[in-house]
Amino acid sequence: MNFDFREIVTATMVLFAVIDIIGSIPVIIGLRAKFGHIQSGKASLVSAGIMIAFLFVGEEILKLIGIDVNSFAVAGSFVLFFLALEMILGIRLYKDEQATSASIVPIAFPLIAGAGTMTTLLSLRAEFQSINIIFAILLNIILVYLVLKSSAKIERMLGENGLSIIRKVFGVVLLAIAVKLFATNVKGLFV
């Protein structure tokens, strides 16, 4: 087991930016208002399960269909790039289907453990030790749980402008991460 504090911190920050639970507070509040109580614990556990499973099984699925991790990481850098643009510019490039309930499906997947998160996990796997990524997932799930549990308080505390600023700052961080992922993994495509 190679515990690396730097890898854990970096992976935690990357996942935090991609999951964007703070930026998702308006969506969570809307779902809570429309459908009632959100099961924070259940949504958090299911999200953790999906992410950890995909961290290990995702690469095998790629091998099965003949795609290497570097190719997936480069493709993932494009996804992260567009997610970052959405966050920075306040636009919506990808639209999810309208949720019909505030159950596990709209919260755990795709809001928390969505396509961007899956892509990021495999991209991180190409650079970091799995154990460090698992710690990063667990730290993020704790944050997700706390945000889900106290979303109304956070909304009142930050206000609309505060949420917008946080979203844009993490968008810029995510954009830099996308560029780094691309630069690191694109070399592997031509070896």
N, C-alpha and C. Protein backbone atom coordinates (compact mmCIF):
# COMPACT_ATOMS: atom_id res chain seq x y z
N MET A 1 0.84 -1.19 0.00
CA MET A 1 0.00 0.00 0.00
C MET A 1 0.88 1.24 0.00
N ASN A 2 0.68 2.08 -0.98
CA ASN A 2 1.45 3.30 -1.10
C ASN A 2 0.61 4.51 -0.75
N PHE A 3 0.54 4.83 0.54
CA PHE A 3 -0.18 6.03 0.97
C PHE A 3 0.66 7.24 0.60
N ASP A 4 0.08 8.16 -0.12
CA ASP A 4 0.77 9.37 -0.51
C ASP A 4 -0.17 10.54 -0.24
N PHE A 5 0.17 11.33 0.77
CA PHE A 5 -0.69 12.45 1.18
C PHE A 5 -0.93 13.42 0.04
N ARG A 6 0.11 13.69 -0.76
CA ARG A 6 -0.03 14.61 -1.89
C ARG A 6 -1.04 14.07 -2.91
N GLU A 7 -0.95 12.76 -3.21
CA GLU A 7 -1.90 12.16 -4.15
C GLU A 7 -3.33 12.23 -3.60
N ILE A 8 -3.48 11.96 -2.31
CA ILE A 8 -4.81 12.00 -1.70
C ILE A 8 -5.40 13.41 -1.80
N VAL A 9 -4.59 14.42 -1.47
CA VAL A 9 -5.07 15.81 -1.52
C VAL A 9 -5.41 16.21 -2.95
N THR A 10 -4.53 15.87 -3.89
CA THR A 10 -4.76 16.23 -5.29
C THR A 10 -6.02 15.55 -5.82
N ALA A 11 -6.13 14.25 -5.60
CA ALA A 11 -7.30 13.50 -6.08
C ALA A 11 -8.57 14.01 -5.42
N THR A 12 -8.50 14.36 -4.13
CA THR A 12 -9.67 14.90 -3.42
C THR A 12 -10.11 16.21 -4.06
N MET A 13 -9.16 17.08 -4.34
CA MET A 13 -9.50 18.37 -4.96
C MET A 13 -10.07 18.19 -6.36
N VAL A 14 -9.48 17.28 -7.13
CA VAL A 14 -9.98 17.03 -8.49
C VAL A 14 -11.41 16.52 -8.43
N LEU A 15 -11.65 15.52 -7.59
CA LEU A 15 -13.01 14.97 -7.47
C LEU A 15 -13.98 16.01 -6.92
N PHE A 16 -13.54 16.82 -5.98
CA PHE A 16 -14.40 17.86 -5.42
C PHE A 16 -14.83 18.83 -6.52
N ALA A 17 -13.88 19.20 -7.38
CA ALA A 17 -14.21 20.11 -8.48
C ALA A 17 -15.15 19.47 -9.48
N VAL A 18 -14.95 18.18 -9.78
CA VAL A 18 -15.79 17.50 -10.76
C VAL A 18 -17.18 17.21 -10.21
N ILE A 19 -17.23 16.70 -8.99
CA ILE A 19 -18.54 16.41 -8.38
C ILE A 19 -19.32 17.71 -8.20
N ASP A 20 -18.61 18.78 -7.86
CA ASP A 20 -19.19 20.13 -7.73
C ASP A 20 -20.45 20.12 -6.86
N ILE A 21 -20.34 19.54 -5.68
CA ILE A 21 -21.49 19.44 -4.79
C ILE A 21 -21.96 20.82 -4.33
N ILE A 22 -21.03 21.77 -4.17
CA ILE A 22 -21.42 23.13 -3.79
C ILE A 22 -22.23 23.77 -4.93
N GLY A 23 -21.74 23.60 -6.15
CA GLY A 23 -22.45 24.14 -7.31
C GLY A 23 -23.78 23.46 -7.56
N SER A 24 -23.93 22.24 -7.02
CA SER A 24 -25.18 21.50 -7.19
C SER A 24 -26.23 21.84 -6.14
N ILE A 25 -25.88 22.69 -5.17
CA ILE A 25 -26.83 23.03 -4.11
C ILE A 25 -28.15 23.56 -4.67
N PRO A 26 -28.13 24.46 -5.68
CA PRO A 26 -29.42 24.90 -6.22
C PRO A 26 -30.28 23.75 -6.76
N VAL A 27 -29.65 22.77 -7.41
CA VAL A 27 -30.38 21.61 -7.94
C VAL A 27 -30.93 20.79 -6.78
N ILE A 28 -30.10 20.56 -5.75
CA ILE A 28 -30.53 19.78 -4.58
C ILE A 28 -31.69 20.46 -3.87
N ILE A 29 -31.58 21.77 -3.71
CA ILE A 29 -32.66 22.52 -3.05
C ILE A 29 -33.94 22.44 -3.86
N GLY A 30 -33.80 22.55 -5.19
CA GLY A 30 -34.98 22.42 -6.05
C GLY A 30 -35.63 21.06 -5.95
N LEU A 31 -34.80 19.99 -5.92
CA LEU A 31 -35.34 18.64 -5.78
C LEU A 31 -36.02 18.45 -4.43
N ARG A 32 -35.40 18.99 -3.38
CA ARG A 32 -35.99 18.86 -2.05
C ARG A 32 -37.33 19.59 -1.98
N ALA A 33 -37.40 20.78 -2.59
CA ALA A 33 -38.64 21.54 -2.57
C ALA A 33 -39.73 20.85 -3.38
N LYS A 34 -39.31 20.20 -4.49
CA LYS A 34 -40.30 19.57 -5.38
C LYS A 34 -40.77 18.21 -4.88
N PHE A 35 -39.84 17.43 -4.31
CA PHE A 35 -40.17 16.04 -3.97
C PHE A 35 -40.09 15.71 -2.49
N GLY A 36 -39.72 16.65 -1.65
CA GLY A 36 -39.67 16.39 -0.21
C GLY A 36 -38.28 16.01 0.26
N HIS A 37 -38.22 15.20 1.29
CA HIS A 37 -36.98 14.83 1.98
C HIS A 37 -36.00 14.10 1.05
N ILE A 38 -34.72 14.43 1.18
CA ILE A 38 -33.65 13.74 0.47
C ILE A 38 -32.94 12.82 1.46
N GLN A 39 -32.77 11.56 1.08
CA GLN A 39 -32.08 10.60 1.94
C GLN A 39 -30.58 10.77 1.75
N SER A 40 -30.00 11.64 2.55
CA SER A 40 -28.58 12.01 2.40
C SER A 40 -27.64 10.82 2.56
N GLY A 41 -27.86 10.02 3.58
CA GLY A 41 -26.99 8.87 3.83
C GLY A 41 -27.04 7.85 2.72
N LYS A 42 -28.23 7.52 2.30
CA LYS A 42 -28.41 6.53 1.25
C LYS A 42 -27.79 7.02 -0.06
N ALA A 43 -28.05 8.26 -0.42
CA ALA A 43 -27.49 8.83 -1.66
C ALA A 43 -25.96 8.83 -1.61
N SER A 44 -25.40 9.16 -0.45
CA SER A 44 -23.94 9.21 -0.30
C SER A 44 -23.33 7.82 -0.42
N LEU A 45 -23.92 6.83 0.25
CA LEU A 45 -23.39 5.46 0.20
C LEU A 45 -23.47 4.87 -1.21
N VAL A 46 -24.58 5.09 -1.89
CA VAL A 46 -24.73 4.58 -3.25
C VAL A 46 -23.70 5.25 -4.17
N SER A 47 -23.49 6.55 -4.01
CA SER A 47 -22.49 7.26 -4.82
C SER A 47 -21.10 6.68 -4.59
N ALA A 48 -20.75 6.46 -3.32
CA ALA A 48 -19.44 5.88 -2.99
C ALA A 48 -19.29 4.51 -3.62
N GLY A 49 -20.33 3.69 -3.52
CA GLY A 49 -20.29 2.35 -4.12
C GLY A 49 -20.08 2.39 -5.62
N ILE A 50 -20.80 3.27 -6.29
CA ILE A 50 -20.67 3.41 -7.74
C ILE A 50 -19.25 3.83 -8.11
N MET A 51 -18.72 4.83 -7.40
CA MET A 51 -17.39 5.34 -7.74
C MET A 51 -16.28 4.32 -7.48
N ILE A 52 -16.34 3.65 -6.34
CA ILE A 52 -15.30 2.67 -6.01
C ILE A 52 -15.37 1.48 -6.97
N ALA A 53 -16.58 1.02 -7.28
CA ALA A 53 -16.74 -0.08 -8.23
C ALA A 53 -16.19 0.30 -9.59
N PHE A 54 -16.52 1.51 -10.04
CA PHE A 54 -16.06 1.93 -11.36
C PHE A 54 -14.54 2.12 -11.39
N LEU A 55 -13.97 2.53 -10.27
CA LEU A 55 -12.52 2.69 -10.19
C LEU A 55 -11.82 1.38 -10.54
N PHE A 56 -12.36 0.25 -10.10
CA PHE A 56 -11.74 -1.05 -10.33
C PHE A 56 -12.25 -1.75 -11.57
N VAL A 57 -13.54 -1.68 -11.82
CA VAL A 57 -14.14 -2.41 -12.94
C VAL A 57 -14.06 -1.61 -14.24
N GLY A 58 -14.00 -0.31 -14.13
CA GLY A 58 -14.00 0.55 -15.32
C GLY A 58 -12.87 0.24 -16.28
N GLU A 59 -11.67 0.03 -15.73
CA GLU A 59 -10.52 -0.27 -16.58
C GLU A 59 -10.69 -1.61 -17.29
N GLU A 60 -11.26 -2.60 -16.59
CA GLU A 60 -11.51 -3.90 -17.20
C GLU A 60 -12.52 -3.80 -18.33
N ILE A 61 -13.53 -2.97 -18.13
CA ILE A 61 -14.52 -2.75 -19.18
C ILE A 61 -13.84 -2.13 -20.41
N LEU A 62 -12.95 -1.18 -20.16
CA LEU A 62 -12.22 -0.56 -21.28
C LEU A 62 -11.37 -1.59 -22.02
N LYS A 63 -10.67 -2.45 -21.27
CA LYS A 63 -9.86 -3.49 -21.90
C LYS A 63 -10.72 -4.42 -22.73
N LEU A 64 -11.89 -4.74 -22.21
CA LEU A 64 -12.81 -5.63 -22.91
C LEU A 64 -13.19 -5.07 -24.28
N ILE A 65 -13.36 -3.74 -24.35
CA ILE A 65 -13.74 -3.13 -25.64
C ILE A 65 -12.54 -2.55 -26.39
N GLY A 66 -11.32 -2.79 -25.87
CA GLY A 66 -10.12 -2.43 -26.60
C GLY A 66 -9.68 -0.99 -26.50
N ILE A 67 -9.94 -0.33 -25.39
CA ILE A 67 -9.52 1.06 -25.20
C ILE A 67 -8.53 1.11 -24.04
N ASP A 68 -7.39 1.78 -24.25
CA ASP A 68 -6.41 1.88 -23.17
C ASP A 68 -6.74 3.08 -22.28
N VAL A 69 -6.15 3.09 -21.09
CA VAL A 69 -6.44 4.12 -20.09
C VAL A 69 -6.01 5.51 -20.58
N ASN A 70 -4.89 5.59 -21.31
CA ASN A 70 -4.44 6.88 -21.83
C ASN A 70 -5.47 7.49 -22.77
N SER A 71 -6.03 6.67 -23.65
CA SER A 71 -7.06 7.17 -24.58
C SER A 71 -8.28 7.65 -23.81
N PHE A 72 -8.68 6.88 -22.81
CA PHE A 72 -9.84 7.27 -22.01
C PHE A 72 -9.54 8.55 -21.24
N ALA A 73 -8.30 8.68 -20.73
CA ALA A 73 -7.93 9.87 -19.98
C ALA A 73 -7.94 11.11 -20.87
N VAL A 74 -7.46 10.97 -22.11
CA VAL A 74 -7.49 12.10 -23.05
C VAL A 74 -8.94 12.48 -23.36
N ALA A 75 -9.78 11.46 -23.61
CA ALA A 75 -11.20 11.74 -23.84
C ALA A 75 -11.82 12.39 -22.60
N GLY A 76 -11.43 11.89 -21.44
CA GLY A 76 -11.93 12.45 -20.19
C GLY A 76 -11.49 13.89 -19.99
N SER A 77 -10.29 14.24 -20.48
CA SER A 77 -9.84 15.62 -20.34
C SER A 77 -10.74 16.56 -21.14
N PHE A 78 -11.27 16.07 -22.27
CA PHE A 78 -12.21 16.89 -23.04
C PHE A 78 -13.52 17.07 -22.28
N VAL A 79 -14.00 16.00 -21.64
CA VAL A 79 -15.23 16.09 -20.84
C VAL A 79 -15.04 17.09 -19.71
N LEU A 80 -13.90 16.99 -19.01
CA LEU A 80 -13.62 17.92 -17.91
C LEU A 80 -13.50 19.35 -18.42
N PHE A 81 -12.91 19.51 -19.60
CA PHE A 81 -12.77 20.83 -20.20
C PHE A 81 -14.15 21.47 -20.41
N PHE A 82 -15.08 20.69 -20.96
CA PHE A 82 -16.42 21.23 -21.21
C PHE A 82 -17.19 21.46 -19.91
N LEU A 83 -16.99 20.58 -18.92
CA LEU A 83 -17.61 20.80 -17.61
C LEU A 83 -17.10 22.10 -17.00
N ALA A 84 -15.80 22.34 -17.14
CA ALA A 84 -15.21 23.57 -16.61
C ALA A 84 -15.78 24.79 -17.31
N LEU A 85 -15.94 24.70 -18.63
CA LEU A 85 -16.53 25.82 -19.37
C LEU A 85 -17.95 26.11 -18.88
N GLU A 86 -18.72 25.04 -18.63
CA GLU A 86 -20.08 25.22 -18.10
C GLU A 86 -20.04 25.98 -16.78
N MET A 87 -19.10 25.59 -15.91
CA MET A 87 -19.02 26.21 -14.59
C MET A 87 -18.57 27.67 -14.68
N ILE A 88 -17.59 27.94 -15.53
CA ILE A 88 -17.04 29.29 -15.63
C ILE A 88 -18.00 30.24 -16.33
N LEU A 89 -18.57 29.78 -17.45
CA LEU A 89 -19.40 30.66 -18.27
C LEU A 89 -20.88 30.66 -17.85
N GLY A 90 -21.26 29.73 -16.99
CA GLY A 90 -22.64 29.67 -16.54
C GLY A 90 -23.60 29.20 -17.63
N ILE A 91 -23.09 28.36 -18.54
CA ILE A 91 -23.93 27.82 -19.61
C ILE A 91 -24.16 26.34 -19.36
N ARG A 92 -25.06 25.75 -20.08
CA ARG A 92 -25.37 24.33 -19.94
C ARG A 92 -25.19 23.68 -21.30
N LEU A 93 -24.11 22.90 -21.47
CA LEU A 93 -23.86 22.21 -22.73
C LEU A 93 -24.55 20.85 -22.77
N TYR A 94 -24.65 20.20 -21.61
CA TYR A 94 -25.27 18.88 -21.52
C TYR A 94 -26.49 18.99 -20.63
N LYS A 95 -27.60 18.49 -21.11
CA LYS A 95 -28.83 18.58 -20.34
C LYS A 95 -29.29 17.17 -19.96
N ASP A 96 -29.46 16.95 -18.65
CA ASP A 96 -30.00 15.69 -18.16
C ASP A 96 -31.50 15.67 -18.36
N GLU A 97 -32.04 14.46 -18.35
CA GLU A 97 -33.50 14.35 -18.39
C GLU A 97 -34.08 14.91 -17.10
N GLN A 98 -35.31 15.37 -17.17
CA GLN A 98 -35.97 15.93 -15.99
C GLN A 98 -36.20 14.83 -14.96
N ALA A 99 -35.83 15.09 -13.74
CA ALA A 99 -36.01 14.10 -12.67
C ALA A 99 -37.48 13.97 -12.31
N THR A 100 -37.89 12.76 -12.00
CA THR A 100 -39.28 12.54 -11.60
C THR A 100 -39.41 12.31 -10.10
N SER A 101 -38.30 12.12 -9.42
CA SER A 101 -38.33 11.97 -7.97
C SER A 101 -36.96 12.34 -7.40
N ALA A 102 -36.91 12.61 -6.12
CA ALA A 102 -35.64 12.96 -5.47
C ALA A 102 -35.05 11.72 -4.82
N SER A 103 -35.03 10.63 -5.56
CA SER A 103 -34.51 9.37 -5.04
C SER A 103 -33.02 9.25 -5.35
N ILE A 104 -32.51 8.04 -5.28
CA ILE A 104 -31.10 7.77 -5.53
C ILE A 104 -30.72 8.19 -6.94
N VAL A 105 -31.60 7.95 -7.90
CA VAL A 105 -31.25 8.18 -9.31
C VAL A 105 -30.84 9.62 -9.60
N PRO A 106 -31.61 10.63 -9.29
CA PRO A 106 -31.10 11.95 -9.67
C PRO A 106 -29.99 12.47 -8.77
N ILE A 107 -29.93 12.01 -7.52
CA ILE A 107 -28.91 12.54 -6.61
C ILE A 107 -27.60 11.74 -6.75
N ALA A 108 -27.63 10.44 -6.44
CA ALA A 108 -26.41 9.63 -6.47
C ALA A 108 -25.88 9.50 -7.90
N PHE A 109 -26.77 9.26 -8.83
CA PHE A 109 -26.40 9.17 -10.24
C PHE A 109 -27.48 9.85 -11.05
N PRO A 110 -27.19 10.84 -11.82
CA PRO A 110 -25.90 11.31 -12.29
C PRO A 110 -25.35 12.54 -11.59
N LEU A 111 -26.04 13.08 -10.58
CA LEU A 111 -25.59 14.33 -9.98
C LEU A 111 -24.23 14.19 -9.30
N ILE A 112 -24.03 13.15 -8.49
CA ILE A 112 -22.77 12.99 -7.76
C ILE A 112 -21.81 12.09 -8.55
N ALA A 113 -22.23 10.89 -8.86
CA ALA A 113 -21.38 9.93 -9.58
C ALA A 113 -21.80 9.87 -11.04
N GLY A 114 -21.62 10.97 -11.74
CA GLY A 114 -22.02 11.06 -13.14
C GLY A 114 -20.88 10.76 -14.09
N ALA A 115 -21.08 11.10 -15.35
CA ALA A 115 -20.11 10.81 -16.40
C ALA A 115 -18.77 11.50 -16.14
N GLY A 116 -18.82 12.74 -15.69
CA GLY A 116 -17.58 13.46 -15.40
C GLY A 116 -16.78 12.80 -14.30
N THR A 117 -17.48 12.34 -13.26
CA THR A 117 -16.82 11.67 -12.14
C THR A 117 -16.20 10.36 -12.59
N MET A 118 -16.93 9.59 -13.40
CA MET A 118 -16.40 8.30 -13.88
C MET A 118 -15.15 8.50 -14.72
N THR A 119 -15.22 9.48 -15.63
CA THR A 119 -14.08 9.78 -16.47
C THR A 119 -12.88 10.19 -15.62
N THR A 120 -13.14 11.03 -14.64
CA THR A 120 -12.08 11.51 -13.76
C THR A 120 -11.44 10.37 -12.99
N LEU A 121 -12.24 9.44 -12.49
CA LEU A 121 -11.70 8.31 -11.73
C LEU A 121 -10.71 7.50 -12.55
N LEU A 122 -11.07 7.21 -13.79
CA LEU A 122 -10.15 6.44 -14.63
C LEU A 122 -8.93 7.26 -15.01
N SER A 123 -9.11 8.56 -15.19
CA SER A 123 -7.97 9.43 -15.48
C SER A 123 -7.03 9.48 -14.29
N LEU A 124 -7.58 9.59 -13.09
CA LEU A 124 -6.76 9.59 -11.88
C LEU A 124 -6.05 8.25 -11.71
N ARG A 125 -6.74 7.18 -12.07
CA ARG A 125 -6.15 5.84 -11.94
C ARG A 125 -4.90 5.71 -12.80
N ALA A 126 -4.87 6.45 -13.91
CA ALA A 126 -3.71 6.40 -14.79
C ALA A 126 -2.49 7.07 -14.14
N GLU A 127 -2.72 7.93 -13.15
CA GLU A 127 -1.62 8.68 -12.53
C GLU A 127 -1.34 8.32 -11.07
N PHE A 128 -2.39 7.94 -10.31
CA PHE A 128 -2.26 7.76 -8.86
C PHE A 128 -2.52 6.33 -8.44
N GLN A 129 -2.07 5.99 -7.22
CA GLN A 129 -2.33 4.68 -6.63
C GLN A 129 -3.81 4.59 -6.25
N SER A 130 -4.40 3.42 -6.42
CA SER A 130 -5.83 3.20 -6.16
C SER A 130 -6.21 3.52 -4.71
N ILE A 131 -5.35 3.15 -3.77
CA ILE A 131 -5.68 3.38 -2.36
C ILE A 131 -5.84 4.86 -2.07
N ASN A 132 -5.01 5.69 -2.70
CA ASN A 132 -5.10 7.14 -2.50
C ASN A 132 -6.39 7.70 -3.11
N ILE A 133 -6.78 7.14 -4.25
CA ILE A 133 -8.03 7.57 -4.89
C ILE A 133 -9.23 7.17 -4.04
N ILE A 134 -9.17 5.98 -3.43
CA ILE A 134 -10.28 5.54 -2.56
C ILE A 134 -10.42 6.50 -1.38
N PHE A 135 -9.29 6.89 -0.78
CA PHE A 135 -9.37 7.87 0.32
C PHE A 135 -9.98 9.18 -0.17
N ALA A 136 -9.60 9.60 -1.38
CA ALA A 136 -10.15 10.83 -1.95
C ALA A 136 -11.66 10.70 -2.17
N ILE A 137 -12.10 9.54 -2.64
CA ILE A 137 -13.54 9.28 -2.83
C ILE A 137 -14.25 9.39 -1.49
N LEU A 138 -13.71 8.73 -0.47
CA LEU A 138 -14.36 8.72 0.85
C LEU A 138 -14.42 10.12 1.44
N LEU A 139 -13.34 10.90 1.30
CA LEU A 139 -13.36 12.28 1.79
C LEU A 139 -14.44 13.10 1.07
N ASN A 140 -14.55 12.90 -0.23
CA ASN A 140 -15.58 13.61 -0.99
C ASN A 140 -16.98 13.18 -0.61
N ILE A 141 -17.16 11.89 -0.33
CA ILE A 141 -18.48 11.40 0.06
C ILE A 141 -18.88 11.99 1.41
N ILE A 142 -17.92 12.14 2.31
CA ILE A 142 -18.22 12.80 3.59
C ILE A 142 -18.68 14.23 3.34
N LEU A 143 -17.97 14.94 2.46
CA LEU A 143 -18.37 16.31 2.10
C LEU A 143 -19.75 16.33 1.45
N VAL A 144 -19.99 15.39 0.55
CA VAL A 144 -21.30 15.29 -0.12
C VAL A 144 -22.39 15.09 0.91
N TYR A 145 -22.16 14.17 1.84
CA TYR A 145 -23.16 13.91 2.88
C TYR A 145 -23.45 15.17 3.69
N LEU A 146 -22.38 15.85 4.10
CA LEU A 146 -22.56 17.07 4.90
C LEU A 146 -23.32 18.15 4.12
N VAL A 147 -23.01 18.29 2.85
CA VAL A 147 -23.71 19.29 2.03
C VAL A 147 -25.17 18.90 1.83
N LEU A 148 -25.42 17.62 1.54
CA LEU A 148 -26.80 17.18 1.37
C LEU A 148 -27.61 17.41 2.65
N LYS A 149 -26.98 17.11 3.77
CA LYS A 149 -27.65 17.25 5.06
C LYS A 149 -27.95 18.70 5.41
N SER A 150 -27.05 19.61 5.01
CA SER A 150 -27.21 21.01 5.42
C SER A 150 -27.32 21.97 4.24
N SER A 151 -27.91 21.53 3.14
CA SER A 151 -27.98 22.37 1.93
C SER A 151 -28.76 23.66 2.15
N ALA A 152 -29.81 23.62 2.93
CA ALA A 152 -30.60 24.84 3.18
C ALA A 152 -29.78 25.87 3.96
N LYS A 153 -29.03 25.41 4.96
CA LYS A 153 -28.19 26.32 5.75
C LYS A 153 -27.09 26.93 4.88
N ILE A 154 -26.48 26.11 4.03
CA ILE A 154 -25.41 26.59 3.15
C ILE A 154 -25.95 27.64 2.19
N GLU A 155 -27.13 27.38 1.66
CA GLU A 155 -27.74 28.33 0.73
C GLU A 155 -27.96 29.68 1.39
N ARG A 156 -28.49 29.66 2.60
CA ARG A 156 -28.72 30.91 3.33
C ARG A 156 -27.41 31.62 3.64
N MET A 157 -26.39 30.85 3.99
CA MET A 157 -25.10 31.41 4.39
C MET A 157 -24.36 32.06 3.20
N LEU A 158 -24.28 31.36 2.08
CA LEU A 158 -23.51 31.86 0.94
C LEU A 158 -24.29 32.83 0.06
N GLY A 159 -25.57 32.60 -0.05
CA GLY A 159 -26.35 33.43 -0.95
C GLY A 159 -26.08 33.05 -2.40
N GLU A 160 -26.85 33.61 -3.30
CA GLU A 160 -26.73 33.27 -4.72
C GLU A 160 -25.37 33.70 -5.29
N ASN A 161 -24.91 34.89 -4.91
CA ASN A 161 -23.62 35.38 -5.41
C ASN A 161 -22.46 34.53 -4.90
N GLY A 162 -22.50 34.13 -3.65
CA GLY A 162 -21.44 33.28 -3.09
C GLY A 162 -21.34 31.95 -3.80
N LEU A 163 -22.49 31.33 -4.08
CA LEU A 163 -22.50 30.06 -4.81
C LEU A 163 -21.94 30.23 -6.21
N SER A 164 -22.27 31.33 -6.85
CA SER A 164 -21.79 31.61 -8.20
C SER A 164 -20.28 31.77 -8.22
N ILE A 165 -19.73 32.48 -7.25
CA ILE A 165 -18.28 32.68 -7.17
C ILE A 165 -17.56 31.35 -6.96
N ILE A 166 -18.06 30.54 -6.03
CA ILE A 166 -17.44 29.24 -5.76
C ILE A 166 -17.46 28.36 -7.00
N ARG A 167 -18.57 28.37 -7.70
CA ARG A 167 -18.70 27.57 -8.92
C ARG A 167 -17.67 28.00 -9.96
N LYS A 168 -17.48 29.30 -10.14
CA LYS A 168 -16.53 29.80 -11.14
C LYS A 168 -15.08 29.51 -10.74
N VAL A 169 -14.76 29.64 -9.47
CA VAL A 169 -13.40 29.34 -9.00
C VAL A 169 -13.07 27.87 -9.25
N PHE A 170 -13.99 26.97 -8.89
CA PHE A 170 -13.74 25.55 -9.13
C PHE A 170 -13.76 25.22 -10.62
N GLY A 171 -14.44 26.01 -11.41
CA GLY A 171 -14.41 25.85 -12.86
C GLY A 171 -13.03 26.10 -13.42
N VAL A 172 -12.37 27.16 -12.94
CA VAL A 172 -11.01 27.47 -13.39
C VAL A 172 -10.04 26.38 -12.95
N VAL A 173 -10.19 25.90 -11.71
CA VAL A 173 -9.35 24.80 -11.23
C VAL A 173 -9.54 23.56 -12.10
N LEU A 174 -10.79 23.25 -12.42
CA LEU A 174 -11.10 22.08 -13.24
C LEU A 174 -10.54 22.24 -14.65
N LEU A 175 -10.56 23.44 -15.19
CA LEU A 175 -10.01 23.71 -16.52
C LEU A 175 -8.50 23.43 -16.52
N ALA A 176 -7.81 23.88 -15.49
CA ALA A 176 -6.37 23.61 -15.38
C ALA A 176 -6.10 22.12 -15.26
N ILE A 177 -6.94 21.41 -14.52
CA ILE A 177 -6.78 19.97 -14.36
C ILE A 177 -6.99 19.26 -15.69
N ALA A 178 -7.97 19.71 -16.47
CA ALA A 178 -8.24 19.11 -17.78
C ALA A 178 -7.04 19.27 -18.71
N VAL A 179 -6.42 20.44 -18.70
CA VAL A 179 -5.24 20.69 -19.53
C VAL A 179 -4.09 19.79 -19.10
N LYS A 180 -3.89 19.65 -17.78
CA LYS A 180 -2.81 18.79 -17.27
C LYS A 180 -3.06 17.33 -17.63
N LEU A 181 -4.31 16.85 -17.49
CA LEU A 181 -4.63 15.47 -17.85
C LEU A 181 -4.35 15.21 -19.33
N PHE A 182 -4.74 16.15 -20.16
CA PHE A 182 -4.51 16.02 -21.60
C PHE A 182 -3.02 15.94 -21.89
N ALA A 183 -2.25 16.89 -21.34
CA ALA A 183 -0.81 16.95 -21.61
C ALA A 183 -0.09 15.70 -21.11
N THR A 184 -0.50 15.19 -19.95
CA THR A 184 0.15 14.02 -19.36
C THR A 184 -0.13 12.75 -20.16
N ASN A 185 -1.36 12.59 -20.63
CA ASN A 185 -1.76 11.33 -21.24
C ASN A 185 -1.68 11.30 -22.76
N VAL A 186 -1.62 12.45 -23.41
CA VAL A 186 -1.59 12.44 -24.87
C VAL A 186 -0.29 11.84 -25.40
N LYS A 187 0.80 11.95 -24.62
CA LYS A 187 2.08 11.36 -25.03
C LYS A 187 1.96 9.84 -25.15
N GLY A 188 1.18 9.22 -24.24
CA GLY A 188 1.01 7.78 -24.23
C GLY A 188 0.29 7.23 -25.46
N LEU A 189 -0.40 8.08 -26.19
CA LEU A 189 -1.12 7.64 -27.37
C LEU A 189 -0.19 7.38 -28.54
N PHE A 190 0.98 8.02 -28.52
CA PHE A 190 1.89 7.93 -29.66
C PHE A 190 3.13 7.12 -29.38
N VAL A 191 3.10 6.33 -28.29
CA VAL A 191 4.26 5.50 -27.94
C VAL A 191 4.17 4.16 -28.64
